[in-house]
Amino acid sequence: MTANTTPTYCANHPTIETSLRCNRCEKLICSKCAIKSPVGYRCPECVKSQQKTFDTAVWYDFITAFIAAAVTSAVAGIIINLISGFFFGMLTLVVAPLAAQVITRVIQMFIKNRRSRSLFYTAAAGVVAGALPMVFTEVLGLLLGGASSIWGLLPLVWLIVYLVVAVPSVYTQLSGIQLFK
């Protein structure tokens, strides 16, 4: 048997000789074009078309998710602010994950099963935006009235703890990231 000696060239770079093919569409691709996937190398066009099937969010989902996250996060921020005494403030460690679950369920109720990475970021930004008025109120109170003791800082600290817990929790729940299986 004789080997095929006809040179083959990349579909996107006609001057680069290659023998690599996209494992989905069989198009010739060079090492510059090849994108490694779990099942082999793919061309940029196949990767882009496959990505579109995962991004199903429509334009109004972004607005809805942001508003739903901001409103429910504002309610959670008010609750955190009300329980922000030293011992009651520690309830934030319980309330924050629960609030994140409620926020996630409210968002999912509006966006159904539509998904997009930027939609998840928008929802996380809504969580922050909802709690910001309470954070600004606490900061303004500290600047104008001053903290007479360390206890005056606790409401602000617990609001920050709430944000540190709730924001990544909402993002991971919406995106379906599982840390433990």
Foldseek 3Di string as FASTA:
>chain_A
DDDDPDWDAAPVDRVHTFDDAAPPPRGTHDPVQWDQDPVGTHGPVVVVVVVVVQQFFDPVLLVLLLQLLLQLLLVLLVVCLVQQFDVSNVCLVVSLLVSLVVSLVSSCVVRPLGDDLVSLVSNLVSNVNNNVVVLVVLVVCCVVVNDPDPRSCRSNVSSVVSSVRRSVSNSCVSVVDDPDD
